[in-house]
Protein backbone atom coordinates (compact mmCIF):
# COMPACT_ATOMS: atom_id res chain seq x y z
CA UNK A 1 0.00 0.00 0.00
CA UNK A 2 1.55 3.34 -1.13
CA UNK A 3 0.83 6.38 0.98
CA UNK A 4 -1.40 8.89 -0.80
CA UNK A 5 0.04 12.40 -0.94
CA UNK A 6 -1.94 15.57 -0.24
CA UNK A 7 -5.36 15.96 1.27
CA UNK A 8 -7.34 14.29 -1.48
CA UNK A 9 -10.73 12.61 -1.49
CA UNK A 10 -10.46 8.85 -1.07
CA UNK A 11 -11.24 7.41 -4.52
CA UNK A 12 -14.34 5.27 -4.20
CA UNK A 13 -16.27 6.12 -7.34
CA UNK A 14 -19.41 4.06 -7.82
CA UNK A 15 -19.68 3.70 -11.57
CA UNK A 16 -22.49 1.18 -11.21
CA UNK A 17 -24.83 3.96 -10.08
CA UNK A 18 -27.09 4.54 -13.11
CA UNK A 19 -24.22 5.07 -15.57
CA UNK A 20 -26.62 5.26 -18.53
CA UNK A 21 -27.81 8.66 -17.35
CA UNK A 22 -24.27 10.10 -17.33
CA UNK A 23 -23.11 8.81 -20.71
CA UNK A 24 -22.75 11.48 -23.42
CA UNK A 25 -24.18 10.18 -26.66
CA UNK A 26 -23.86 11.51 -30.20
CA UNK A 27 -27.07 10.09 -31.60
CA UNK A 28 -28.11 13.58 -32.66
CA UNK A 29 -24.98 14.09 -34.79
CA UNK A 30 -26.56 13.43 -38.22
CA UNK A 31 -29.59 15.57 -37.36
CA UNK A 32 -27.45 18.46 -36.12
CA UNK A 33 -25.29 18.21 -39.23
CA UNK A 34 -28.36 18.54 -41.41
CA UNK A 35 -29.70 21.46 -39.32
CA UNK A 36 -26.39 23.34 -39.61
CA UNK A 37 -26.28 22.76 -43.36
CA UNK A 38 -29.83 24.06 -43.80
CA UNK A 39 -29.08 27.08 -41.57
CA UNK A 40 -25.97 27.92 -43.65
CA UNK A 41 -27.99 27.71 -46.87
CA UNK A 42 -30.72 29.94 -45.39
CA UNK A 43 -28.14 32.52 -44.28
CA UNK A 44 -26.49 32.49 -47.72
CA UNK A 45 -29.89 33.11 -49.34
CA UNK A 46 -30.78 35.82 -46.81
CA UNK A 47 -27.60 37.90 -47.27
CA UNK A 48 -27.37 36.98 -50.96
CA UNK A 49 -25.29 39.59 -52.80
CA UNK A 50 -22.89 39.76 -49.86
CA UNK A 51 -20.23 37.04 -49.36
CA UNK A 52 -21.11 34.30 -46.87
CA UNK A 53 -17.58 33.92 -45.49
CA UNK A 54 -17.44 37.48 -44.14
CA UNK A 55 -16.48 40.75 -45.81
CA UNK A 56 -14.25 40.87 -48.86
CA UNK A 57 -10.73 41.81 -47.74
CA UNK A 58 -7.57 42.80 -49.63
CA UNK A 59 -4.41 40.69 -49.75
CA UNK A 60 -1.56 42.63 -48.11
CA UNK A 61 2.05 42.05 -47.11
CA UNK A 62 2.76 41.79 -43.38
CA UNK A 63 4.81 44.74 -42.03
CA UNK A 64 8.00 43.54 -40.34
CA UNK A 65 11.17 42.13 -41.90
CA UNK A 66 10.44 38.74 -40.36
CA UNK A 67 7.05 38.41 -42.07
CA UNK A 68 7.10 40.83 -45.01
CA UNK A 69 7.48 38.07 -47.60
CA UNK A 70 4.16 36.63 -46.41
CA UNK A 71 0.83 37.70 -47.78
CA UNK A 72 -2.25 37.78 -45.59
CA UNK A 73 -5.72 39.27 -45.60
CA UNK A 74 -5.78 42.94 -44.62
CA UNK A 75 -8.44 44.78 -42.63
CA UNK A 76 -10.04 46.45 -45.63
CA UNK A 77 -9.59 48.35 -48.89
CA UNK A 78 -8.33 51.94 -48.97
CA UNK A 79 -10.51 54.83 -50.12
CA UNK A 80 -8.33 55.18 -53.24
CA UNK A 81 -8.80 51.52 -54.15
CA UNK A 82 -12.55 51.84 -53.76
CA UNK A 83 -12.59 55.02 -55.84
CA UNK A 84 -10.61 53.26 -58.59
CA UNK A 85 -13.15 50.43 -58.57
CA UNK A 86 -15.98 52.96 -58.72
CA UNK A 87 -17.53 51.99 -55.38
CA UNK A 88 -18.70 54.56 -52.84
CA UNK A 89 -17.11 53.96 -49.43
CA UNK A 90 -20.48 54.00 -47.65
CA UNK A 91 -21.99 51.56 -50.13
CA UNK A 92 -18.98 49.23 -49.92
CA UNK A 93 -19.72 48.20 -46.35
CA UNK A 94 -23.38 47.51 -47.09
CA UNK A 95 -22.51 45.09 -49.90
CA UNK A 96 -19.89 43.18 -47.90
CA UNK A 97 -16.62 44.91 -48.80
CA UNK A 98 -14.34 45.78 -45.86
CA UNK A 99 -13.06 49.37 -45.71
CA UNK A 100 -9.92 50.52 -43.84
CA UNK A 101 -9.64 54.29 -43.44
CA UNK A 102 -6.06 54.06 -42.05
CA UNK A 103 -4.38 52.02 -44.79
CA UNK A 104 -2.32 53.87 -47.41
CA UNK A 105 -1.44 52.81 -50.93
CA UNK A 106 2.34 52.72 -50.94
CA UNK A 107 2.88 50.46 -53.94
CA UNK A 108 0.67 50.26 -56.99
CA UNK A 109 0.79 46.86 -58.64
């Protein structure tokens, strides 16, 4: 018999006590999957012209030397970029295009 360390509860768990009530089942998995799929389709139809996966964002280069070769999604398009595309900055947000008022266009590709 090894001495138990610390002031713990003596382990005497009674797993025979109505274990069926405590078991977590996944019998609702297929039903939930179907519900989620239907909900996604409904949302896509509801917000139709806008993108389902969130606002449209520009691809930008990360700032520091360590990461500047990497491209990632930026916060939003600049006012100049929106003007060039012929989209009003107020309208852009309503149709699912992200706008960033702080970003500057430093390099034109």
